[in-house]
Amino acid sequence: MIFQEPMTSLNPVYTIGDQIAEAVILH
């Protein structure tokens, strides 16, 4: 799912790489 507002959907204290890699690691 892609949510309406990306600034509130992305965690501001983690890097972009950490947030994408989290889903890759999980699945």
mmCIF file of all heavy atoms, coordinates in Angstrom:
data_MODEL
# 
_entry.id   MODEL 
# 
loop_
_atom_site.group_PDB 
_atom_site.id 
_atom_site.type_symbol 
_atom_site.label_atom_id 
_atom_site.label_alt_id 
_atom_site.label_comp_id 
_atom_site.label_asym_id 
_atom_site.label_entity_id 
_atom_site.label_seq_id 
_atom_site.pdbx_PDB_ins_code 
_atom_site.Cartn_x 
_atom_site.Cartn_y 
_atom_site.Cartn_z 
_atom_site.occupancy 
_atom_site.B_iso_or_equiv 
_atom_site.pdbx_formal_charge 
_atom_site.auth_seq_id 
_atom_site.auth_comp_id 
_atom_site.auth_asym_id 
_atom_site.auth_atom_id 
_atom_site.pdbx_PDB_model_num 
ATOM 1   N N   . MET A 1 1  ? 0.838  -1.205  0.000  1.00 0.00 ? 1  MET A N   1 
ATOM 2   C CA  . MET A 1 1  ? 0.000  0.000   0.000  1.00 0.00 ? 1  MET A CA  1 
ATOM 3   C C   . MET A 1 1  ? 0.869  1.250   0.000  1.00 0.00 ? 1  MET A C   1 
ATOM 4   O O   . MET A 1 1  ? 1.891  1.323   0.694  1.00 0.00 ? 1  MET A O   1 
ATOM 5   C CB  . MET A 1 1  ? -0.915 0.006   1.238  1.00 0.00 ? 1  MET A CB  1 
ATOM 6   C CG  . MET A 1 1  ? -1.927 1.136   1.236  1.00 0.00 ? 1  MET A CG  1 
ATOM 7   S SD  . MET A 1 1  ? -3.232 0.848   2.482  1.00 0.00 ? 1  MET A SD  1 
ATOM 8   C CE  . MET A 1 1  ? -4.281 2.273   2.189  1.00 0.00 ? 1  MET A CE  1 
ATOM 9   N N   . ILE A 1 2  ? 0.466  2.213   -0.827 1.00 0.00 ? 2  ILE A N   1 
ATOM 10  C CA  . ILE A 1 2  ? 1.072  3.547   -0.823 1.00 0.00 ? 2  ILE A CA  1 
ATOM 11  C C   . ILE A 1 2  ? 0.078  4.479   -0.144 1.00 0.00 ? 2  ILE A C   1 
ATOM 12  O O   . ILE A 1 2  ? -1.067 4.597   -0.588 1.00 0.00 ? 2  ILE A O   1 
ATOM 13  C CB  . ILE A 1 2  ? 1.362  4.047   -2.244 1.00 0.00 ? 2  ILE A CB  1 
ATOM 14  C CG1 . ILE A 1 2  ? 2.238  3.056   -3.007 1.00 0.00 ? 2  ILE A CG1 1 
ATOM 15  C CG2 . ILE A 1 2  ? 2.033  5.410   -2.219 1.00 0.00 ? 2  ILE A CG2 1 
ATOM 16  C CD1 . ILE A 1 2  ? 2.360  3.389   -4.487 1.00 0.00 ? 2  ILE A CD1 1 
ATOM 17  N N   . PHE A 1 3  ? 0.492  5.153   0.913  1.00 0.00 ? 3  PHE A N   1 
ATOM 18  C CA  . PHE A 1 3  ? -0.417 6.000   1.677  1.00 0.00 ? 3  PHE A CA  1 
ATOM 19  C C   . PHE A 1 3  ? -0.435 7.422   1.124  1.00 0.00 ? 3  PHE A C   1 
ATOM 20  O O   . PHE A 1 3  ? 0.427  7.823   0.333  1.00 0.00 ? 3  PHE A O   1 
ATOM 21  C CB  . PHE A 1 3  ? -0.029 5.997   3.154  1.00 0.00 ? 3  PHE A CB  1 
ATOM 22  C CG  . PHE A 1 3  ? -0.180 4.644   3.798  1.00 0.00 ? 3  PHE A CG  1 
ATOM 23  C CD1 . PHE A 1 3  ? 0.883  3.752   3.836  1.00 0.00 ? 3  PHE A CD1 1 
ATOM 24  C CD2 . PHE A 1 3  ? -1.396 4.254   4.340  1.00 0.00 ? 3  PHE A CD2 1 
ATOM 25  C CE1 . PHE A 1 3  ? 0.734  2.500   4.409  1.00 0.00 ? 3  PHE A CE1 1 
ATOM 26  C CE2 . PHE A 1 3  ? -1.552 3.004   4.913  1.00 0.00 ? 3  PHE A CE2 1 
ATOM 27  C CZ  . PHE A 1 3  ? -0.483 2.130   4.944  1.00 0.00 ? 3  PHE A CZ  1 
ATOM 28  N N   . GLN A 1 4  ? -1.414 8.204   1.586  1.00 0.00 ? 4  GLN A N   1 
ATOM 29  C CA  . GLN A 1 4  ? -1.663 9.527   1.017  1.00 0.00 ? 4  GLN A CA  1 
ATOM 30  C C   . GLN A 1 4  ? -0.491 10.477  1.188  1.00 0.00 ? 4  GLN A C   1 
ATOM 31  O O   . GLN A 1 4  ? -0.080 11.137  0.251  1.00 0.00 ? 4  GLN A O   1 
ATOM 32  C CB  . GLN A 1 4  ? -2.901 10.145  1.672  1.00 0.00 ? 4  GLN A CB  1 
ATOM 33  C CG  . GLN A 1 4  ? -4.210 9.537   1.238  1.00 0.00 ? 4  GLN A CG  1 
ATOM 34  C CD  . GLN A 1 4  ? -5.397 10.330  1.748  1.00 0.00 ? 4  GLN A CD  1 
ATOM 35  O OE1 . GLN A 1 4  ? -5.358 11.550  1.812  1.00 0.00 ? 4  GLN A OE1 1 
ATOM 36  N NE2 . GLN A 1 4  ? -6.462 9.641   2.114  1.00 0.00 ? 4  GLN A NE2 1 
ATOM 37  N N   . GLU A 1 5  ? 0.059  10.574  2.383  1.00 0.00 ? 5  GLU A N   1 
ATOM 38  C CA  . GLU A 1 5  ? 1.070  11.584  2.673  1.00 0.00 ? 5  GLU A CA  1 
ATOM 39  C C   . GLU A 1 5  ? 2.390  10.913  3.046  1.00 0.00 ? 5  GLU A C   1 
ATOM 40  O O   . GLU A 1 5  ? 2.532  10.370  4.137  1.00 0.00 ? 5  GLU A O   1 
ATOM 41  C CB  . GLU A 1 5  ? 0.597  12.493  3.825  1.00 0.00 ? 5  GLU A CB  1 
ATOM 42  C CG  . GLU A 1 5  ? 1.590  13.555  4.256  1.00 0.00 ? 5  GLU A CG  1 
ATOM 43  C CD  . GLU A 1 5  ? 2.233  14.288  3.091  1.00 0.00 ? 5  GLU A CD  1 
ATOM 44  O OE1 . GLU A 1 5  ? 1.502  14.954  2.344  1.00 0.00 ? 5  GLU A OE1 1 
ATOM 45  O OE2 . GLU A 1 5  ? 3.462  14.172  2.922  1.00 0.00 ? 5  GLU A OE2 1 
ATOM 46  N N   . PRO A 1 6  ? 3.380  10.926  2.132  1.00 0.00 ? 6  PRO A N   1 
ATOM 47  C CA  . PRO A 1 6  ? 4.621  10.204  2.394  1.00 0.00 ? 6  PRO A CA  1 
ATOM 48  C C   . PRO A 1 6  ? 5.422  10.740  3.573  1.00 0.00 ? 6  PRO A C   1 
ATOM 49  O O   . PRO A 1 6  ? 6.153  9.999   4.214  1.00 0.00 ? 6  PRO A O   1 
ATOM 50  C CB  . PRO A 1 6  ? 5.400  10.364  1.081  1.00 0.00 ? 6  PRO A CB  1 
ATOM 51  C CG  . PRO A 1 6  ? 4.823  11.570  0.428  1.00 0.00 ? 6  PRO A CG  1 
ATOM 52  C CD  . PRO A 1 6  ? 3.379  11.587  0.823  1.00 0.00 ? 6  PRO A CD  1 
ATOM 53  N N   . MET A 1 7  ? 5.293  12.031  3.894  1.00 0.00 ? 7  MET A N   1 
ATOM 54  C CA  . MET A 1 7  ? 6.085  12.584  4.994  1.00 0.00 ? 7  MET A CA  1 
ATOM 55  C C   . MET A 1 7  ? 5.643  12.013  6.331  1.00 0.00 ? 7  MET A C   1 
ATOM 56  O O   . MET A 1 7  ? 6.443  11.835  7.248  1.00 0.00 ? 7  MET A O   1 
ATOM 57  C CB  . MET A 1 7  ? 5.958  14.115  5.013  1.00 0.00 ? 7  MET A CB  1 
ATOM 58  C CG  . MET A 1 7  ? 7.063  14.799  5.822  1.00 0.00 ? 7  MET A CG  1 
ATOM 59  S SD  . MET A 1 7  ? 8.694  14.495  5.133  1.00 0.00 ? 7  MET A SD  1 
ATOM 60  C CE  . MET A 1 7  ? 9.676  14.383  6.623  1.00 0.00 ? 7  MET A CE  1 
ATOM 61  N N   . THR A 1 8  ? 4.350  11.694  6.465  1.00 0.00 ? 8  THR A N   1 
ATOM 62  C CA  . THR A 1 8  ? 3.874  11.098  7.710  1.00 0.00 ? 8  THR A CA  1 
ATOM 63  C C   . THR A 1 8  ? 3.964  9.574   7.682  1.00 0.00 ? 8  THR A C   1 
ATOM 64  O O   . THR A 1 8  ? 3.831  8.932   8.724  1.00 0.00 ? 8  THR A O   1 
ATOM 65  C CB  . THR A 1 8  ? 2.414  11.511  7.983  1.00 0.00 ? 8  THR A CB  1 
ATOM 66  O OG1 . THR A 1 8  ? 1.595  11.096  6.881  1.00 0.00 ? 8  THR A OG1 1 
ATOM 67  C CG2 . THR A 1 8  ? 2.302  13.012  8.139  1.00 0.00 ? 8  THR A CG2 1 
ATOM 68  N N   . SER A 1 9  ? 4.181  8.988   6.506  1.00 0.00 ? 9  SER A N   1 
ATOM 69  C CA  . SER A 1 9  ? 4.289  7.536   6.401  1.00 0.00 ? 9  SER A CA  1 
ATOM 70  C C   . SER A 1 9  ? 5.722  7.056   6.606  1.00 0.00 ? 9  SER A C   1 
ATOM 71  O O   . SER A 1 9  ? 5.944  5.916   7.005  1.00 0.00 ? 9  SER A O   1 
ATOM 72  C CB  . SER A 1 9  ? 3.786  7.065   5.029  1.00 0.00 ? 9  SER A CB  1 
ATOM 73  O OG  . SER A 1 9  ? 2.453  7.466   4.822  1.00 0.00 ? 9  SER A OG  1 
ATOM 74  N N   . LEU A 1 10 ? 6.700  7.916   6.288  1.00 0.00 ? 10 LEU A N   1 
ATOM 75  C CA  . LEU A 1 10 ? 8.103  7.565   6.480  1.00 0.00 ? 10 LEU A CA  1 
ATOM 76  C C   . LEU A 1 10 ? 8.547  7.970   7.883  1.00 0.00 ? 10 LEU A C   1 
ATOM 77  O O   . LEU A 1 10 ? 8.162  9.018   8.387  1.00 0.00 ? 10 LEU A O   1 
ATOM 78  C CB  . LEU A 1 10 ? 8.968  8.264   5.437  1.00 0.00 ? 10 LEU A CB  1 
ATOM 79  C CG  . LEU A 1 10 ? 8.762  7.813   3.983  1.00 0.00 ? 10 LEU A CG  1 
ATOM 80  C CD1 . LEU A 1 10 ? 9.461  8.765   3.020  1.00 0.00 ? 10 LEU A CD1 1 
ATOM 81  C CD2 . LEU A 1 10 ? 9.273  6.396   3.791  1.00 0.00 ? 10 LEU A CD2 1 
ATOM 82  N N   . ASN A 1 11 ? 9.361  7.133   8.493  1.00 0.00 ? 11 ASN A N   1 
ATOM 83  C CA  . ASN A 1 11 ? 9.867  7.415   9.838  1.00 0.00 ? 11 ASN A CA  1 
ATOM 84  C C   . ASN A 1 11 ? 11.011 8.420   9.737  1.00 0.00 ? 11 ASN A C   1 
ATOM 85  O O   . ASN A 1 11 ? 12.025 8.155   9.078  1.00 0.00 ? 11 ASN A O   1 
ATOM 86  C CB  . ASN A 1 11 ? 10.363 6.121   10.494 1.00 0.00 ? 11 ASN A CB  1 
ATOM 87  C CG  . ASN A 1 11 ? 10.610 6.293   11.985 1.00 0.00 ? 11 ASN A CG  1 
ATOM 88  O OD1 . ASN A 1 11 ? 11.122 7.308   12.427 1.00 0.00 ? 11 ASN A OD1 1 
ATOM 89  N ND2 . ASN A 1 11 ? 10.237 5.284   12.760 1.00 0.00 ? 11 ASN A ND2 1 
ATOM 90  N N   . PRO A 1 12 ? 10.891 9.592   10.385 1.00 0.00 ? 12 PRO A N   1 
ATOM 91  C CA  . PRO A 1 12 ? 11.897 10.646  10.203 1.00 0.00 ? 12 PRO A CA  1 
ATOM 92  C C   . PRO A 1 12 ? 13.254 10.339  10.825 1.00 0.00 ? 12 PRO A C   1 
ATOM 93  O O   . PRO A 1 12 ? 14.240 11.011  10.501 1.00 0.00 ? 12 PRO A O   1 
ATOM 94  C CB  . PRO A 1 12 ? 11.249 11.866  10.884 1.00 0.00 ? 12 PRO A CB  1 
ATOM 95  C CG  . PRO A 1 12 ? 10.312 11.284  11.889 1.00 0.00 ? 12 PRO A CG  1 
ATOM 96  C CD  . PRO A 1 12 ? 9.792  10.019  11.270 1.00 0.00 ? 12 PRO A CD  1 
ATOM 97  N N   . VAL A 1 13 ? 13.363 9.352   11.716 1.00 0.00 ? 13 VAL A N   1 
ATOM 98  C CA  . VAL A 1 13 ? 14.629 9.090   12.412 1.00 0.00 ? 13 VAL A CA  1 
ATOM 99  C C   . VAL A 1 13 ? 15.406 7.922   11.809 1.00 0.00 ? 13 VAL A C   1 
ATOM 100 O O   . VAL A 1 13 ? 16.476 7.565   12.312 1.00 0.00 ? 13 VAL A O   1 
ATOM 101 C CB  . VAL A 1 13 ? 14.395 8.837   13.918 1.00 0.00 ? 13 VAL A CB  1 
ATOM 102 C CG1 . VAL A 1 13 ? 13.717 10.037  14.560 1.00 0.00 ? 13 VAL A CG1 1 
ATOM 103 C CG2 . VAL A 1 13 ? 13.563 7.582   14.152 1.00 0.00 ? 13 VAL A CG2 1 
ATOM 104 N N   . TYR A 1 14 ? 14.863 7.305   10.745 1.00 0.00 ? 14 TYR A N   1 
ATOM 105 C CA  . TYR A 1 14 ? 15.566 6.224   10.064 1.00 0.00 ? 14 TYR A CA  1 
ATOM 106 C C   . TYR A 1 14 ? 15.882 6.633   8.635  1.00 0.00 ? 14 TYR A C   1 
ATOM 107 O O   . TYR A 1 14 ? 15.122 7.376   8.001  1.00 0.00 ? 14 TYR A O   1 
ATOM 108 C CB  . TYR A 1 14 ? 14.726 4.947   10.044 1.00 0.00 ? 14 TYR A CB  1 
ATOM 109 C CG  . TYR A 1 14 ? 14.628 4.261   11.384 1.00 0.00 ? 14 TYR A CG  1 
ATOM 110 C CD1 . TYR A 1 14 ? 13.540 4.487   12.213 1.00 0.00 ? 14 TYR A CD1 1 
ATOM 111 C CD2 . TYR A 1 14 ? 15.629 3.401   11.825 1.00 0.00 ? 14 TYR A CD2 1 
ATOM 112 C CE1 . TYR A 1 14 ? 13.436 3.870   13.450 1.00 0.00 ? 14 TYR A CE1 1 
ATOM 113 C CE2 . TYR A 1 14 ? 15.539 2.773   13.057 1.00 0.00 ? 14 TYR A CE2 1 
ATOM 114 C CZ  . TYR A 1 14 ? 14.446 3.014   13.868 1.00 0.00 ? 14 TYR A CZ  1 
ATOM 115 O OH  . TYR A 1 14 ? 14.367 2.410   15.093 1.00 0.00 ? 14 TYR A OH  1 
ATOM 116 N N   . THR A 1 15 ? 16.997 6.143   8.109  1.00 0.00 ? 15 THR A N   1 
ATOM 117 C CA  . THR A 1 15 ? 17.359 6.462   6.734  1.00 0.00 ? 15 THR A CA  1 
ATOM 118 C C   . THR A 1 15 ? 16.408 5.762   5.763  1.00 0.00 ? 15 THR A C   1 
ATOM 119 O O   . THR A 1 15 ? 15.711 4.800   6.119  1.00 0.00 ? 15 THR A O   1 
ATOM 120 C CB  . THR A 1 15 ? 18.797 6.013   6.418  1.00 0.00 ? 15 THR A CB  1 
ATOM 121 O OG1 . THR A 1 15 ? 18.868 4.578   6.497  1.00 0.00 ? 15 THR A OG1 1 
ATOM 122 C CG2 . THR A 1 15 ? 19.794 6.636   7.383  1.00 0.00 ? 15 THR A CG2 1 
ATOM 123 N N   . ILE A 1 16 ? 16.414 6.246   4.531  1.00 0.00 ? 16 ILE A N   1 
ATOM 124 C CA  . ILE A 1 16 ? 15.593 5.641   3.483  1.00 0.00 ? 16 ILE A CA  1 
ATOM 125 C C   . ILE A 1 16 ? 15.981 4.172   3.298  1.00 0.00 ? 16 ILE A C   1 
ATOM 126 O O   . ILE A 1 16 ? 15.116 3.296   3.168  1.00 0.00 ? 16 ILE A O   1 
ATOM 127 C CB  . ILE A 1 16 ? 15.767 6.413   2.162  1.00 0.00 ? 16 ILE A CB  1 
ATOM 128 C CG1 . ILE A 1 16 ? 15.286 7.871   2.308  1.00 0.00 ? 16 ILE A CG1 1 
ATOM 129 C CG2 . ILE A 1 16 ? 15.051 5.703   1.033  1.00 0.00 ? 16 ILE A CG2 1 
ATOM 130 C CD1 . ILE A 1 16 ? 13.852 8.016   2.720  1.00 0.00 ? 16 ILE A CD1 1 
ATOM 131 N N   . GLY A 1 17 ? 17.281 3.899   3.301  1.00 0.00 ? 17 GLY A N   1 
ATOM 132 C CA  . GLY A 1 17 ? 17.737 2.524   3.132  1.00 0.00 ? 17 GLY A CA  1 
ATOM 133 C C   . GLY A 1 17 ? 17.263 1.606   4.232  1.00 0.00 ? 17 GLY A C   1 
ATOM 134 O O   . GLY A 1 17 ? 16.846 0.464   3.966  1.00 0.00 ? 17 GLY A O   1 
ATOM 135 N N   . ASP A 1 18 ? 17.302 2.071   5.482  1.00 0.00 ? 18 ASP A N   1 
ATOM 136 C CA  . ASP A 1 18 ? 16.841 1.242   6.605  1.00 0.00 ? 18 ASP A CA  1 
ATOM 137 C C   . ASP A 1 18 ? 15.367 0.884   6.454  1.00 0.00 ? 18 ASP A C   1 
ATOM 138 O O   . ASP A 1 18 ? 14.960 -0.244  6.751  1.00 0.00 ? 18 ASP A O   1 
ATOM 139 C CB  . ASP A 1 18 ? 17.048 1.985   7.930  1.00 0.00 ? 18 ASP A CB  1 
ATOM 140 C CG  . ASP A 1 18 ? 18.511 2.064   8.332  1.00 0.00 ? 18 ASP A CG  1 
ATOM 141 O OD1 . ASP A 1 18 ? 19.301 1.254   7.807  1.00 0.00 ? 18 ASP A OD1 1 
ATOM 142 O OD2 . ASP A 1 18 ? 18.853 2.924   9.164  1.00 0.00 ? 18 ASP A OD2 1 
ATOM 143 N N   . GLN A 1 19 ? 14.567 1.843   5.977  1.00 0.00 ? 19 GLN A N   1 
ATOM 144 C CA  . GLN A 1 19 ? 13.124 1.618   5.913  1.00 0.00 ? 19 GLN A CA  1 
ATOM 145 C C   . GLN A 1 19 ? 12.734 0.680   4.767  1.00 0.00 ? 19 GLN A C   1 
ATOM 146 O O   . GLN A 1 19 ? 11.832 -0.154  4.915  1.00 0.00 ? 19 GLN A O   1 
ATOM 147 C CB  . GLN A 1 19 ? 12.399 2.968   5.792  1.00 0.00 ? 19 GLN A CB  1 
ATOM 148 C CG  . GLN A 1 19 ? 12.612 3.831   7.034  1.00 0.00 ? 19 GLN A CG  1 
ATOM 149 C CD  . GLN A 1 19 ? 11.824 5.125   7.008  1.00 0.00 ? 19 GLN A CD  1 
ATOM 150 O OE1 . GLN A 1 19 ? 10.600 5.104   6.990  1.00 0.00 ? 19 GLN A OE1 1 
ATOM 151 N NE2 . GLN A 1 19 ? 12.506 6.253   7.023  1.00 0.00 ? 19 GLN A NE2 1 
ATOM 152 N N   . ILE A 1 20 ? 13.417 0.790   3.639  1.00 0.00 ? 20 ILE A N   1 
ATOM 153 C CA  . ILE A 1 20 ? 13.121 -0.138  2.540  1.00 0.00 ? 20 ILE A CA  1 
ATOM 154 C C   . ILE A 1 20 ? 13.669 -1.526  2.872  1.00 0.00 ? 20 ILE A C   1 
ATOM 155 O O   . ILE A 1 20 ? 13.008 -2.544  2.651  1.00 0.00 ? 20 ILE A O   1 
ATOM 156 C CB  . ILE A 1 20 ? 13.709 0.377   1.220  1.00 0.00 ? 20 ILE A CB  1 
ATOM 157 C CG1 . ILE A 1 20 ? 13.103 1.734   0.853  1.00 0.00 ? 20 ILE A CG1 1 
ATOM 158 C CG2 . ILE A 1 20 ? 13.452 -0.625  0.093  1.00 0.00 ? 20 ILE A CG2 1 
ATOM 159 C CD1 . ILE A 1 20 ? 13.679 2.350   -0.401 1.00 0.00 ? 20 ILE A CD1 1 
ATOM 160 N N   . ALA A 1 21 ? 14.867 -1.567  3.430  1.00 0.00 ? 21 ALA A N   1 
ATOM 161 C CA  . ALA A 1 21 ? 15.498 -2.856  3.749  1.00 0.00 ? 21 ALA A CA  1 
ATOM 162 C C   . ALA A 1 21 ? 14.698 -3.624  4.798  1.00 0.00 ? 21 ALA A C   1 
ATOM 163 O O   . ALA A 1 21 ? 14.719 -4.858  4.808  1.00 0.00 ? 21 ALA A O   1 
ATOM 164 C CB  . ALA A 1 21 ? 16.924 -2.633  4.224  1.00 0.00 ? 21 ALA A CB  1 
ATOM 165 N N   . GLU A 1 22 ? 13.989 -2.906  5.674  1.00 0.00 ? 22 GLU A N   1 
ATOM 166 C CA  . GLU A 1 22 ? 13.197 -3.591  6.701  1.00 0.00 ? 22 GLU A CA  1 
ATOM 167 C C   . GLU A 1 22 ? 12.179 -4.527  6.074  1.00 0.00 ? 22 GLU A C   1 
ATOM 168 O O   . GLU A 1 22 ? 12.009 -5.677  6.519  1.00 0.00 ? 22 GLU A O   1 
ATOM 169 C CB  . GLU A 1 22 ? 12.493 -2.556  7.582  1.00 0.00 ? 22 GLU A CB  1 
ATOM 170 C CG  . GLU A 1 22 ? 11.662 -3.177  8.689  1.00 0.00 ? 22 GLU A CG  1 
ATOM 171 C CD  . GLU A 1 22 ? 10.929 -2.145  9.525  1.00 0.00 ? 22 GLU A CD  1 
ATOM 172 O OE1 . GLU A 1 22 ? 10.884 -0.973  9.108  1.00 0.00 ? 22 GLU A OE1 1 
ATOM 173 O OE2 . GLU A 1 22 ? 10.408 -2.506  10.595 1.00 0.00 ? 22 GLU A OE2 1 
ATOM 174 N N   . ALA A 1 23 ? 11.481 -4.063  5.034  1.00 0.00 ? 23 ALA A N   1 
ATOM 175 C CA  . ALA A 1 23 ? 10.492 -4.904  4.361  1.00 0.00 ? 23 ALA A CA  1 
ATOM 176 C C   . ALA A 1 23 ? 11.163 -6.067  3.640  1.00 0.00 ? 23 ALA A C   1 
ATOM 177 O O   . ALA A 1 23 ? 10.652 -7.196  3.626  1.00 0.00 ? 23 ALA A O   1 
ATOM 178 C CB  . ALA A 1 23 ? 9.682  -4.067  3.373  1.00 0.00 ? 23 ALA A CB  1 
ATOM 179 N N   . VAL A 1 24 ? 12.335 -5.822  3.049  1.00 0.00 ? 24 VAL A N   1 
ATOM 180 C CA  . VAL A 1 24 ? 13.067 -6.875  2.332  1.00 0.00 ? 24 VAL A CA  1 
ATOM 181 C C   . VAL A 1 24 ? 13.524 -7.954  3.314  1.00 0.00 ? 24 VAL A C   1 
ATOM 182 O O   . VAL A 1 24 ? 13.406 -9.153  3.045  1.00 0.00 ? 24 VAL A O   1 
ATOM 183 C CB  . VAL A 1 24 ? 14.264 -6.271  1.574  1.00 0.00 ? 24 VAL A CB  1 
ATOM 184 C CG1 . VAL A 1 24 ? 15.087 -7.372  0.919  1.00 0.00 ? 24 VAL A CG1 1 
ATOM 185 C CG2 . VAL A 1 24 ? 13.785 -5.273  0.528  1.00 0.00 ? 24 VAL A CG2 1 
ATOM 186 N N   . ILE A 1 25 ? 14.042 -7.532  4.459  1.00 0.00 ? 25 ILE A N   1 
ATOM 187 C CA  . ILE A 1 25 ? 14.502 -8.482  5.479  1.00 0.00 ? 25 ILE A CA  1 
ATOM 188 C C   . ILE A 1 25 ? 13.345 -9.325  5.992  1.00 0.00 ? 25 ILE A C   1 
ATOM 189 O O   . ILE A 1 25 ? 13.470 -10.541 6.178  1.00 0.00 ? 25 ILE A O   1 
ATOM 190 C CB  . ILE A 1 25 ? 15.187 -7.719  6.639  1.00 0.00 ? 25 ILE A CB  1 
ATOM 191 C CG1 . ILE A 1 25 ? 16.508 -7.107  6.155  1.00 0.00 ? 25 ILE A CG1 1 
ATOM 192 C CG2 . ILE A 1 25 ? 15.420 -8.643  7.832  1.00 0.00 ? 25 ILE A CG2 1 
ATOM 193 C CD1 . ILE A 1 25 ? 17.112 -6.117  7.142  1.00 0.00 ? 25 ILE A CD1 1 
ATOM 194 N N   . LEU A 1 26 ? 12.196 -8.682  6.192  1.00 0.00 ? 26 LEU A N   1 
ATOM 195 C CA  . LEU A 1 26 ? 11.034 -9.377  6.750  1.00 0.00 ? 26 LEU A CA  1 
ATOM 196 C C   . LEU A 1 26 ? 10.459 -10.405 5.793  1.00 0.00 ? 26 LEU A C   1 
ATOM 197 O O   . LEU A 1 26 ? 10.116 -11.521 6.197  1.00 0.00 ? 26 LEU A O   1 
ATOM 198 C CB  . LEU A 1 26 ? 9.960  -8.346  7.134  1.00 0.00 ? 26 LEU A CB  1 
ATOM 199 C CG  . LEU A 1 26 ? 8.656  -8.901  7.728  1.00 0.00 ? 26 LEU A CG  1 
ATOM 200 C CD1 . LEU A 1 26 ? 8.931  -9.603  9.042  1.00 0.00 ? 26 LEU A CD1 1 
ATOM 201 C CD2 . LEU A 1 26 ? 7.644  -7.785  7.908  1.00 0.00 ? 26 LEU A CD2 1 
ATOM 202 N N   . HIS A 1 27 ? 10.362 -10.058 4.504  1.00 0.00 ? 27 HIS A N   1 
ATOM 203 C CA  . HIS A 1 27 ? 9.626  -10.904 3.567  1.00 0.00 ? 27 HIS A CA  1 
ATOM 204 C C   . HIS A 1 27 ? 10.497 -11.738 2.633  1.00 0.00 ? 27 HIS A C   1 
ATOM 205 O O   . HIS A 1 27 ? 10.014 -12.696 2.036  1.00 0.00 ? 27 HIS A O   1 
ATOM 206 C CB  . HIS A 1 27 ? 8.679  -10.045 2.725  1.00 0.00 ? 27 HIS A CB  1 
ATOM 207 C CG  . HIS A 1 27 ? 7.586  -9.402  3.515  1.00 0.00 ? 27 HIS A CG  1 
ATOM 208 N ND1 . HIS A 1 27 ? 6.634  -10.116 4.193  1.00 0.00 ? 27 HIS A ND1 1 
ATOM 209 C CD2 . HIS A 1 27 ? 7.301  -8.082  3.727  1.00 0.00 ? 27 HIS A CD2 1 
ATOM 210 C CE1 . HIS A 1 27 ? 5.804  -9.282  4.796  1.00 0.00 ? 27 HIS A CE1 1 
ATOM 211 N NE2 . HIS A 1 27 ? 6.180  -8.047  4.530  1.00 0.00 ? 27 HIS A NE2 1 
# 
